Amino acid sequence: MILVDREIKSTIEGGFLKIDPYDPKLVQPNSLDIRLGEHFVWYEESDDIIDPYEAETVSSHVCETRGKYFDVYPGKFILAETLERITLPANIVATIEGKSSIARLGISLHQTGGWIDAGFSGTITLEIANVNQRPVRLYAGMPIGQLVFYQTATASNPYGSKGDAKYLNQKDATLSRYAMNKKRV
């Protein structure tokens, strides 16, 4: 079941679902707007291969900055953080969706990482790409996307209690931690 505005508000105000900072004006009929943080990460152009099983290749040729805005050029991919830190209980999952007004500028908010498991806690790393022909300026603090919350049965092993929860309590735009997985041949 997708939570509606009054359920989102009461779940947050009751402390069951944690959003920090929380602004009740960002609650929409079926979602909660989330805002862009001020940490941005991107890869420099290079012919070096990124091997997801080799952490040093994932973190090489990486740049980062903090700022009040970031210009995303055509064809470029960046990671960014959300302003909000969220904590989901064991019976609520979320998806992150782009806002149509931002999508109409050519900005894709997430590539495939739009699912947030029950029990997750931390800021959300956004996977932003610009498919427009022109650069687009994104401002820290602007509503950039929306979280849709789904109430489920209570998970017996929520994300926060998993031993391999690679992104639990992440802060800032976080590079892939895929290298923590065991390589299967």
N, C-alpha and C. Protein backbone atom coordinates (compact mmCIF):
# COMPACT_ATOMS: atom_id res chain seq x y z
N MET A 1 0.84 -1.18 0.00
CA MET A 1 0.00 0.00 0.00
C MET A 1 0.88 1.25 0.00
N ILE A 2 0.63 2.16 -0.91
CA ILE A 2 1.35 3.43 -0.96
C ILE A 2 0.77 4.36 0.10
N LEU A 3 1.65 4.98 0.87
CA LEU A 3 1.19 5.93 1.88
C LEU A 3 0.74 7.23 1.20
N VAL A 4 -0.34 7.80 1.71
CA VAL A 4 -0.84 9.08 1.22
C VAL A 4 -0.41 10.18 2.19
N ASP A 5 -0.66 11.42 1.81
CA ASP A 5 -0.17 12.58 2.56
C ASP A 5 -0.40 12.51 4.07
N ARG A 6 -1.61 12.25 4.50
CA ARG A 6 -1.89 12.23 5.94
C ARG A 6 -1.14 11.09 6.63
N GLU A 7 -0.95 9.97 5.95
CA GLU A 7 -0.21 8.84 6.53
C GLU A 7 1.29 9.15 6.59
N ILE A 8 1.79 9.82 5.56
CA ILE A 8 3.20 10.22 5.57
C ILE A 8 3.46 11.16 6.75
N LYS A 9 2.61 12.17 6.88
CA LYS A 9 2.77 13.14 7.98
C LYS A 9 2.68 12.47 9.34
N SER A 10 1.66 11.65 9.55
CA SER A 10 1.49 11.03 10.88
C SER A 10 2.62 10.04 11.19
N THR A 11 3.12 9.34 10.18
CA THR A 11 4.22 8.40 10.38
C THR A 11 5.50 9.13 10.74
N ILE A 12 5.73 10.29 10.11
CA ILE A 12 6.92 11.09 10.43
C ILE A 12 6.74 11.76 11.80
N GLU A 13 5.61 12.41 12.00
CA GLU A 13 5.38 13.14 13.25
C GLU A 13 5.34 12.20 14.45
N GLY A 14 4.98 10.93 14.24
CA GLY A 14 4.99 9.95 15.31
C GLY A 14 6.37 9.35 15.56
N GLY A 15 7.35 9.72 14.74
CA GLY A 15 8.71 9.24 14.94
C GLY A 15 8.98 7.86 14.38
N PHE A 16 8.01 7.29 13.68
CA PHE A 16 8.15 5.94 13.13
C PHE A 16 9.03 5.96 11.88
N LEU A 17 8.80 6.94 11.03
CA LEU A 17 9.60 7.21 9.83
C LEU A 17 10.35 8.49 10.12
N LYS A 18 11.67 8.47 9.99
CA LYS A 18 12.47 9.65 10.35
C LYS A 18 13.00 10.33 9.10
N ILE A 19 12.75 11.64 9.04
CA ILE A 19 13.24 12.49 7.96
C ILE A 19 13.89 13.70 8.63
N ASP A 20 15.17 13.94 8.35
CA ASP A 20 15.87 15.04 9.00
C ASP A 20 16.74 15.77 7.98
N PRO A 21 16.49 17.05 7.71
CA PRO A 21 15.44 17.87 8.27
C PRO A 21 14.08 17.57 7.62
N TYR A 22 13.03 17.77 8.39
CA TYR A 22 11.68 17.51 7.90
C TYR A 22 10.94 18.83 7.73
N ASP A 23 10.35 19.03 6.57
CA ASP A 23 9.52 20.19 6.28
C ASP A 23 8.16 19.68 5.81
N PRO A 24 7.10 19.84 6.63
CA PRO A 24 5.79 19.32 6.25
C PRO A 24 5.26 19.89 4.93
N LYS A 25 5.80 21.04 4.48
CA LYS A 25 5.35 21.62 3.22
C LYS A 25 5.80 20.78 2.01
N LEU A 26 6.73 19.87 2.23
CA LEU A 26 7.23 19.04 1.14
C LEU A 26 6.42 17.76 0.95
N VAL A 27 5.42 17.55 1.80
CA VAL A 27 4.57 16.36 1.65
C VAL A 27 3.59 16.61 0.50
N GLN A 28 3.59 15.68 -0.45
CA GLN A 28 2.70 15.72 -1.61
C GLN A 28 1.58 14.70 -1.40
N PRO A 29 0.58 14.62 -2.28
CA PRO A 29 -0.52 13.67 -2.08
C PRO A 29 -0.07 12.22 -1.89
N ASN A 30 0.99 11.78 -2.60
CA ASN A 30 1.44 10.39 -2.52
C ASN A 30 2.95 10.27 -2.37
N SER A 31 3.62 11.34 -1.94
CA SER A 31 5.07 11.29 -1.86
C SER A 31 5.58 12.41 -0.96
N LEU A 32 6.89 12.40 -0.76
CA LEU A 32 7.57 13.46 -0.02
C LEU A 32 8.68 13.99 -0.91
N ASP A 33 8.66 15.28 -1.20
CA ASP A 33 9.75 15.88 -1.97
C ASP A 33 11.04 15.81 -1.17
N ILE A 34 12.13 15.49 -1.85
CA ILE A 34 13.45 15.52 -1.21
C ILE A 34 14.29 16.54 -1.94
N ARG A 35 15.23 17.11 -1.19
CA ARG A 35 16.03 18.21 -1.71
C ARG A 35 17.48 17.77 -1.96
N LEU A 36 18.11 18.50 -2.86
CA LEU A 36 19.49 18.24 -3.21
C LEU A 36 20.40 18.77 -2.12
N GLY A 37 21.38 17.95 -1.74
CA GLY A 37 22.41 18.39 -0.80
C GLY A 37 23.48 19.18 -1.54
N GLU A 38 24.63 19.37 -0.87
CA GLU A 38 25.68 20.19 -1.50
C GLU A 38 26.97 19.43 -1.77
N HIS A 39 26.92 18.10 -1.75
CA HIS A 39 28.11 17.30 -2.06
C HIS A 39 27.93 16.62 -3.42
N PHE A 40 28.91 16.80 -4.31
CA PHE A 40 28.83 16.29 -5.67
C PHE A 40 30.12 15.53 -6.00
N VAL A 41 29.99 14.38 -6.67
CA VAL A 41 31.13 13.54 -7.05
C VAL A 41 30.97 13.17 -8.52
N TRP A 42 32.10 13.14 -9.25
CA TRP A 42 32.05 12.73 -10.65
C TRP A 42 33.38 12.12 -11.04
N TYR A 43 33.34 11.37 -12.13
CA TYR A 43 34.54 10.76 -12.68
C TYR A 43 35.15 11.68 -13.74
N GLU A 44 36.48 11.82 -13.69
CA GLU A 44 37.20 12.52 -14.76
C GLU A 44 37.22 11.60 -15.97
N GLU A 45 37.35 12.21 -17.13
CA GLU A 45 37.45 11.40 -18.34
C GLU A 45 38.77 10.62 -18.31
N SER A 46 38.68 9.34 -18.60
CA SER A 46 39.86 8.47 -18.58
C SER A 46 39.54 7.21 -19.36
N ASP A 47 40.57 6.57 -19.89
CA ASP A 47 40.41 5.28 -20.55
C ASP A 47 40.59 4.11 -19.59
N ASP A 48 40.94 4.42 -18.34
CA ASP A 48 41.11 3.37 -17.34
C ASP A 48 39.76 2.70 -17.06
N ILE A 49 39.76 1.40 -17.06
CA ILE A 49 38.53 0.63 -16.84
C ILE A 49 38.15 0.64 -15.37
N ILE A 50 36.86 0.78 -15.10
CA ILE A 50 36.34 0.62 -13.75
C ILE A 50 35.91 -0.83 -13.62
N ASP A 51 36.53 -1.55 -12.72
CA ASP A 51 36.17 -2.94 -12.43
C ASP A 51 35.43 -2.93 -11.10
N PRO A 52 34.13 -3.26 -11.09
CA PRO A 52 33.35 -3.15 -9.86
C PRO A 52 33.89 -3.98 -8.70
N TYR A 53 34.69 -5.01 -9.00
CA TYR A 53 35.27 -5.85 -7.95
C TYR A 53 36.60 -5.31 -7.43
N GLU A 54 37.10 -4.23 -8.03
CA GLU A 54 38.38 -3.66 -7.64
C GLU A 54 38.14 -2.24 -7.13
N ALA A 55 38.11 -2.10 -5.80
CA ALA A 55 37.76 -0.82 -5.17
C ALA A 55 38.65 0.33 -5.64
N GLU A 56 39.94 0.05 -5.87
CA GLU A 56 40.84 1.13 -6.27
C GLU A 56 40.48 1.68 -7.65
N THR A 57 39.92 0.86 -8.54
CA THR A 57 39.52 1.37 -9.85
C THR A 57 38.23 2.18 -9.75
N VAL A 58 37.39 1.83 -8.79
CA VAL A 58 36.14 2.58 -8.57
C VAL A 58 36.44 3.97 -8.04
N SER A 59 37.47 4.08 -7.23
CA SER A 59 37.76 5.38 -6.60
C SER A 59 38.85 6.18 -7.32
N SER A 60 39.36 5.67 -8.46
CA SER A 60 40.38 6.43 -9.17
C SER A 60 39.73 7.40 -10.16
N HIS A 61 40.44 8.48 -10.42
CA HIS A 61 39.98 9.53 -11.35
C HIS A 61 38.64 10.13 -10.91
N VAL A 62 38.48 10.30 -9.60
CA VAL A 62 37.25 10.84 -9.03
C VAL A 62 37.50 12.25 -8.51
N CYS A 63 36.55 13.12 -8.77
CA CYS A 63 36.59 14.50 -8.26
C CYS A 63 35.38 14.71 -7.38
N GLU A 64 35.49 15.64 -6.46
CA GLU A 64 34.34 15.97 -5.63
C GLU A 64 34.41 17.43 -5.22
N THR A 65 33.25 17.96 -4.91
CA THR A 65 33.16 19.34 -4.45
C THR A 65 31.93 19.50 -3.58
N ARG A 66 31.93 20.54 -2.81
CA ARG A 66 30.75 20.99 -2.07
C ARG A 66 30.43 22.38 -2.61
N GLY A 67 29.16 22.64 -2.78
CA GLY A 67 28.81 23.94 -3.30
C GLY A 67 27.32 24.21 -3.23
N LYS A 68 26.98 25.45 -3.50
CA LYS A 68 25.58 25.89 -3.47
C LYS A 68 24.85 25.51 -4.75
N TYR A 69 25.62 25.19 -5.80
CA TYR A 69 25.02 24.71 -7.04
C TYR A 69 26.06 23.88 -7.79
N PHE A 70 25.58 23.14 -8.79
CA PHE A 70 26.46 22.35 -9.64
C PHE A 70 25.88 22.35 -11.04
N ASP A 71 26.73 22.62 -12.03
CA ASP A 71 26.30 22.61 -13.43
C ASP A 71 26.57 21.23 -14.00
N VAL A 72 25.50 20.58 -14.49
CA VAL A 72 25.62 19.25 -15.08
C VAL A 72 25.61 19.43 -16.60
N TYR A 73 26.72 19.07 -17.22
CA TYR A 73 26.85 19.26 -18.66
C TYR A 73 26.24 18.09 -19.43
N PRO A 74 25.88 18.32 -20.69
CA PRO A 74 25.27 17.26 -21.50
C PRO A 74 26.11 16.00 -21.52
N GLY A 75 25.46 14.87 -21.34
CA GLY A 75 26.12 13.58 -21.38
C GLY A 75 26.91 13.24 -20.12
N LYS A 76 26.90 14.09 -19.13
CA LYS A 76 27.68 13.87 -17.92
C LYS A 76 26.86 13.15 -16.86
N PHE A 77 27.60 12.44 -16.02
CA PHE A 77 27.03 11.66 -14.92
C PHE A 77 27.70 12.12 -13.63
N ILE A 78 26.88 12.39 -12.61
CA ILE A 78 27.42 12.76 -11.31
C ILE A 78 26.66 12.01 -10.21
N LEU A 79 27.28 11.94 -9.06
CA LEU A 79 26.61 11.47 -7.86
C LEU A 79 26.40 12.69 -6.97
N ALA A 80 25.27 12.73 -6.30
CA ALA A 80 24.98 13.82 -5.38
C ALA A 80 24.24 13.25 -4.19
N GLU A 81 24.22 14.00 -3.12
CA GLU A 81 23.55 13.56 -1.91
C GLU A 81 22.20 14.27 -1.77
N THR A 82 21.33 13.67 -1.01
CA THR A 82 20.11 14.37 -0.62
C THR A 82 20.41 15.19 0.63
N LEU A 83 19.70 16.28 0.78
CA LEU A 83 19.78 17.07 2.01
C LEU A 83 19.23 16.26 3.18
N GLU A 84 18.15 15.53 2.90
CA GLU A 84 17.48 14.77 3.96
C GLU A 84 18.19 13.46 4.26
N ARG A 85 18.28 13.16 5.53
CA ARG A 85 18.68 11.84 6.01
C ARG A 85 17.37 11.12 6.35
N ILE A 86 17.22 9.89 5.88
CA ILE A 86 16.00 9.16 6.17
C ILE A 86 16.32 7.90 6.97
N THR A 87 15.37 7.49 7.76
CA THR A 87 15.45 6.21 8.47
C THR A 87 14.11 5.53 8.31
N LEU A 88 14.13 4.38 7.63
CA LEU A 88 12.90 3.62 7.38
C LEU A 88 12.74 2.53 8.43
N PRO A 89 11.52 2.34 8.93
CA PRO A 89 11.27 1.23 9.84
C PRO A 89 11.24 -0.10 9.08
N ALA A 90 11.06 -1.17 9.79
CA ALA A 90 11.13 -2.52 9.20
C ALA A 90 9.92 -2.86 8.34
N ASN A 91 8.91 -2.00 8.29
CA ASN A 91 7.73 -2.30 7.48
C ASN A 91 7.39 -1.21 6.46
N ILE A 92 8.37 -0.37 6.13
CA ILE A 92 8.17 0.64 5.08
C ILE A 92 9.38 0.62 4.16
N VAL A 93 9.13 0.53 2.86
CA VAL A 93 10.17 0.67 1.84
C VAL A 93 9.86 1.94 1.05
N ALA A 94 10.83 2.41 0.31
CA ALA A 94 10.62 3.63 -0.47
C ALA A 94 11.26 3.48 -1.85
N THR A 95 10.72 4.22 -2.78
CA THR A 95 11.37 4.39 -4.08
C THR A 95 11.62 5.87 -4.25
N ILE A 96 12.68 6.16 -4.97
CA ILE A 96 12.97 7.55 -5.29
C ILE A 96 12.60 7.78 -6.75
N GLU A 97 11.87 8.81 -6.97
CA GLU A 97 11.41 9.16 -8.32
C GLU A 97 11.81 10.59 -8.61
N GLY A 98 12.03 10.87 -9.88
CA GLY A 98 12.35 12.24 -10.27
C GLY A 98 11.11 13.10 -10.28
N LYS A 99 11.32 14.39 -10.18
CA LYS A 99 10.22 15.34 -10.33
C LYS A 99 10.10 15.66 -11.82
N SER A 100 8.88 15.71 -12.32
CA SER A 100 8.70 15.92 -13.76
C SER A 100 9.27 17.25 -14.23
N SER A 101 9.22 18.27 -13.39
CA SER A 101 9.76 19.58 -13.79
C SER A 101 11.27 19.52 -14.01
N ILE A 102 11.96 18.68 -13.25
CA ILE A 102 13.40 18.50 -13.41
C ILE A 102 13.67 17.59 -14.61
N ALA A 103 12.87 16.55 -14.75
CA ALA A 103 13.03 15.62 -15.89
C ALA A 103 12.84 16.36 -17.21
N ARG A 104 11.97 17.34 -17.24
CA ARG A 104 11.71 18.09 -18.47
C ARG A 104 12.88 18.98 -18.86
N LEU A 105 13.86 19.11 -17.95
CA LEU A 105 15.10 19.83 -18.26
C LEU A 105 16.16 18.87 -18.78
N GLY A 106 15.84 17.57 -18.79
CA GLY A 106 16.78 16.57 -19.28
C GLY A 106 17.56 15.87 -18.18
N ILE A 107 17.19 16.09 -16.94
CA ILE A 107 17.92 15.51 -15.80
C ILE A 107 17.25 14.22 -15.36
N SER A 108 18.04 13.15 -15.38
CA SER A 108 17.62 11.86 -14.86
C SER A 108 18.16 11.76 -13.44
N LEU A 109 17.30 11.42 -12.51
CA LEU A 109 17.67 11.45 -11.09
C LEU A 109 18.33 10.18 -10.61
N HIS A 110 17.92 9.06 -11.13
CA HIS A 110 18.54 7.80 -10.73
C HIS A 110 18.59 6.87 -11.93
N GLN A 111 19.64 6.08 -11.98
CA GLN A 111 19.81 5.18 -13.12
C GLN A 111 19.04 3.88 -12.88
N THR A 112 19.41 3.14 -11.86
CA THR A 112 18.63 1.96 -11.48
C THR A 112 18.56 1.80 -9.98
N GLY A 113 19.19 2.68 -9.25
CA GLY A 113 19.26 2.55 -7.80
C GLY A 113 18.15 3.28 -7.08
N GLY A 114 16.92 3.09 -7.52
CA GLY A 114 15.81 3.84 -6.95
C GLY A 114 15.07 3.16 -5.82
N TRP A 115 15.55 2.01 -5.35
CA TRP A 115 14.87 1.24 -4.31
C TRP A 115 15.58 1.45 -2.98
N ILE A 116 14.80 1.69 -1.92
CA ILE A 116 15.37 1.87 -0.59
C ILE A 116 14.70 0.88 0.35
N ASP A 117 15.49 -0.07 0.86
CA ASP A 117 14.98 -1.15 1.69
C ASP A 117 14.49 -0.70 3.05
N ALA A 118 13.54 -1.46 3.58
CA ALA A 118 13.11 -1.28 4.97
C ALA A 118 14.33 -1.40 5.86
N GLY A 119 14.45 -0.53 6.85
CA GLY A 119 15.58 -0.56 7.77
C GLY A 119 16.77 0.28 7.34
N PHE A 120 16.71 0.91 6.14
CA PHE A 120 17.81 1.77 5.69
C PHE A 120 17.83 3.05 6.52
N SER A 121 19.03 3.56 6.75
CA SER A 121 19.20 4.85 7.40
C SER A 121 20.39 5.56 6.77
N GLY A 122 20.22 6.80 6.40
CA GLY A 122 21.30 7.60 5.84
C GLY A 122 20.77 8.59 4.83
N THR A 123 21.69 9.34 4.22
CA THR A 123 21.30 10.18 3.09
C THR A 123 21.24 9.27 1.86
N ILE A 124 20.60 9.73 0.85
CA ILE A 124 20.45 8.94 -0.38
C ILE A 124 21.42 9.50 -1.42
N THR A 125 22.16 8.61 -2.05
CA THR A 125 23.03 9.03 -3.15
C THR A 125 22.22 9.02 -4.44
N LEU A 126 22.18 10.16 -5.10
CA LEU A 126 21.46 10.31 -6.36
C LEU A 126 22.42 10.06 -7.51
N GLU A 127 21.95 9.38 -8.53
CA GLU A 127 22.73 9.05 -9.73
C GLU A 127 22.20 9.90 -10.87
N ILE A 128 22.77 11.07 -11.04
CA ILE A 128 22.22 12.10 -11.92
C ILE A 128 22.92 12.10 -13.28
N ALA A 129 22.14 12.17 -14.34
CA ALA A 129 22.68 12.29 -15.69
C ALA A 129 21.91 13.38 -16.44
N ASN A 130 22.60 14.05 -17.33
CA ASN A 130 21.98 15.09 -18.15
C ASN A 130 21.90 14.59 -19.59
N VAL A 131 20.67 14.40 -20.08
CA VAL A 131 20.46 13.96 -21.46
C VAL A 131 20.04 15.13 -22.36
N ASN A 132 20.09 16.33 -21.82
CA ASN A 132 19.77 17.52 -22.58
C ASN A 132 20.95 17.90 -23.48
N GLN A 133 20.73 18.84 -24.37
CA GLN A 133 21.80 19.37 -25.23
C GLN A 133 22.51 20.55 -24.59
N ARG A 134 21.99 21.00 -23.45
CA ARG A 134 22.53 22.17 -22.77
C ARG A 134 22.84 21.83 -21.31
N PRO A 135 23.79 22.53 -20.70
CA PRO A 135 24.06 22.32 -19.27
C PRO A 135 22.84 22.73 -18.44
N VAL A 136 22.69 22.09 -17.30
CA VAL A 136 21.59 22.41 -16.38
C VAL A 136 22.21 22.67 -15.01
N ARG A 137 21.84 23.78 -14.41
CA ARG A 137 22.33 24.13 -13.07
C ARG A 137 21.36 23.59 -12.03
N LEU A 138 21.91 22.84 -11.08
CA LEU A 138 21.14 22.30 -9.97
C LEU A 138 21.61 22.96 -8.69
N TYR A 139 20.65 23.41 -7.86
CA TYR A 139 20.97 24.14 -6.63
C TYR A 139 20.78 23.27 -5.40
N ALA A 140 21.75 23.35 -4.48
CA ALA A 140 21.59 22.70 -3.19
C ALA A 140 20.34 23.27 -2.52
N GLY A 141 19.54 22.40 -1.96
CA GLY A 141 18.31 22.82 -1.29
C GLY A 141 17.07 22.79 -2.16
N MET A 142 17.25 22.66 -3.48
CA MET A 142 16.07 22.63 -4.36
C MET A 142 15.41 21.26 -4.30
N PRO A 143 14.06 21.20 -4.34
CA PRO A 143 13.41 19.89 -4.47
C PRO A 143 13.86 19.25 -5.78
N ILE A 144 14.41 18.05 -5.69
CA ILE A 144 15.02 17.38 -6.85
C ILE A 144 14.29 16.10 -7.21
N GLY A 145 13.63 15.51 -6.23
CA GLY A 145 12.95 14.23 -6.44
C GLY A 145 11.89 14.02 -5.39
N GLN A 146 11.35 12.82 -5.39
CA GLN A 146 10.31 12.52 -4.41
C GLN A 146 10.44 11.07 -3.96
N LEU A 147 10.14 10.85 -2.70
CA LEU A 147 10.12 9.51 -2.15
C LEU A 147 8.68 9.03 -2.08
N VAL A 148 8.45 7.83 -2.59
CA VAL A 148 7.15 7.18 -2.48
C VAL A 148 7.34 6.06 -1.46
N PHE A 149 6.47 6.04 -0.44
CA PHE A 149 6.59 5.08 0.65
C PHE A 149 5.54 3.99 0.50
N TYR A 150 5.97 2.76 0.72
CA TYR A 150 5.09 1.60 0.64
C TYR A 150 5.11 0.89 1.98
N GLN A 151 3.92 0.67 2.54
CA GLN A 151 3.85 -0.12 3.78
C GLN A 151 3.80 -1.59 3.40
N THR A 152 4.60 -2.40 4.08
CA THR A 152 4.70 -3.83 3.79
C THR A 152 4.55 -4.61 5.10
N ALA A 153 4.58 -5.92 4.99
CA ALA A 153 4.72 -6.73 6.20
C ALA A 153 6.09 -6.39 6.80
N THR A 154 6.26 -6.62 8.07
CA THR A 154 7.53 -6.32 8.73
C THR A 154 8.61 -7.28 8.25
N ALA A 155 9.72 -6.72 7.79
CA ALA A 155 10.85 -7.53 7.32
C ALA A 155 11.49 -8.24 8.51
N SER A 156 11.82 -9.50 8.33
CA SER A 156 12.47 -10.23 9.43
C SER A 156 13.95 -9.88 9.50
N ASN A 157 14.52 -9.39 8.41
CA ASN A 157 15.93 -9.01 8.39
C ASN A 157 16.08 -7.68 7.66
N PRO A 158 15.65 -6.56 8.29
CA PRO A 158 15.71 -5.27 7.61
C PRO A 158 17.15 -4.86 7.31
N TYR A 159 17.29 -3.95 6.38
CA TYR A 159 18.60 -3.53 5.87
C TYR A 159 19.58 -3.20 6.99
N GLY A 160 19.13 -2.50 8.00
CA GLY A 160 20.01 -2.08 9.08
C GLY A 160 20.55 -3.21 9.93
N SER A 161 19.94 -4.36 9.88
CA SER A 161 20.42 -5.49 10.69
C SER A 161 21.22 -6.49 9.86
N LYS A 162 21.33 -6.24 8.56
CA LYS A 162 22.10 -7.13 7.69
C LYS A 162 23.59 -6.92 7.94
N GLY A 163 24.35 -7.96 7.93
CA GLY A 163 25.78 -7.85 8.10
C GLY A 163 26.48 -7.22 6.91
N ASP A 164 25.85 -7.25 5.75
CA ASP A 164 26.48 -6.72 4.54
C ASP A 164 25.80 -5.45 4.03
N ALA A 165 25.28 -4.65 4.92
CA ALA A 165 24.60 -3.41 4.55
C ALA A 165 25.66 -2.35 4.23
N LYS A 166 26.08 -2.31 2.98
CA LYS A 166 27.21 -1.49 2.55
C LYS A 166 26.96 0.02 2.65
N TYR A 167 25.72 0.42 2.58
CA TYR A 167 25.43 1.86 2.53
C TYR A 167 24.70 2.37 3.77
N LEU A 168 24.61 1.55 4.80
CA LEU A 168 23.93 1.97 6.03
C LEU A 168 24.66 3.16 6.64
N ASN A 169 23.90 4.16 7.02
CA ASN A 169 24.41 5.39 7.64
C ASN A 169 25.34 6.19 6.74
N GLN A 170 25.20 6.02 5.42
CA GLN A 170 26.02 6.81 4.51
C GLN A 170 25.67 8.28 4.64
N LYS A 171 26.67 9.10 4.46
CA LYS A 171 26.51 10.54 4.40
C LYS A 171 27.33 10.99 3.21
N ASP A 172 26.89 11.96 2.50
CA ASP A 172 27.55 12.46 1.30
C ASP A 172 27.25 11.54 0.12
N ALA A 173 27.59 12.01 -1.07
CA ALA A 173 27.46 11.21 -2.28
C ALA A 173 28.48 10.08 -2.16
N THR A 174 28.01 8.85 -2.26
CA THR A 174 28.84 7.68 -1.97
C THR A 174 29.10 6.88 -3.24
N LEU A 175 30.37 6.63 -3.51
CA LEU A 175 30.75 5.79 -4.65
C LEU A 175 30.26 4.36 -4.43
N SER A 176 30.25 3.59 -5.51
CA SER A 176 29.85 2.19 -5.44
C SER A 176 30.75 1.42 -4.48
N ARG A 177 30.13 0.58 -3.68
CA ARG A 177 30.87 -0.32 -2.78
C ARG A 177 30.70 -1.77 -3.22
N TYR A 178 30.48 -1.95 -4.51
CA TYR A 178 30.28 -3.27 -5.07
C TYR A 178 31.45 -4.21 -4.79
N ALA A 179 32.65 -3.66 -4.69
CA ALA A 179 33.84 -4.46 -4.46
C ALA A 179 33.79 -5.23 -3.13
N MET A 180 32.87 -4.85 -2.25
CA MET A 180 32.71 -5.58 -0.99
C MET A 180 32.01 -6.93 -1.20
N ASN A 181 31.42 -7.13 -2.39
CA ASN A 181 30.79 -8.41 -2.72
C ASN A 181 31.86 -9.42 -3.09
N LYS A 182 31.52 -10.68 -2.88
CA LYS A 182 32.42 -11.76 -3.30
C LYS A 182 32.23 -11.98 -4.78
N LYS A 183 33.35 -12.08 -5.49
CA LYS A 183 33.31 -12.32 -6.93
C LYS A 183 32.93 -13.78 -7.18
N ARG A 184 31.91 -13.97 -7.99
CA ARG A 184 31.46 -15.32 -8.35
C ARG A 184 31.92 -15.63 -9.75
N VAL A 185 32.57 -16.75 -9.91
CA VAL A 185 33.12 -17.11 -11.22
C VAL A 185 32.24 -18.16 -11.87
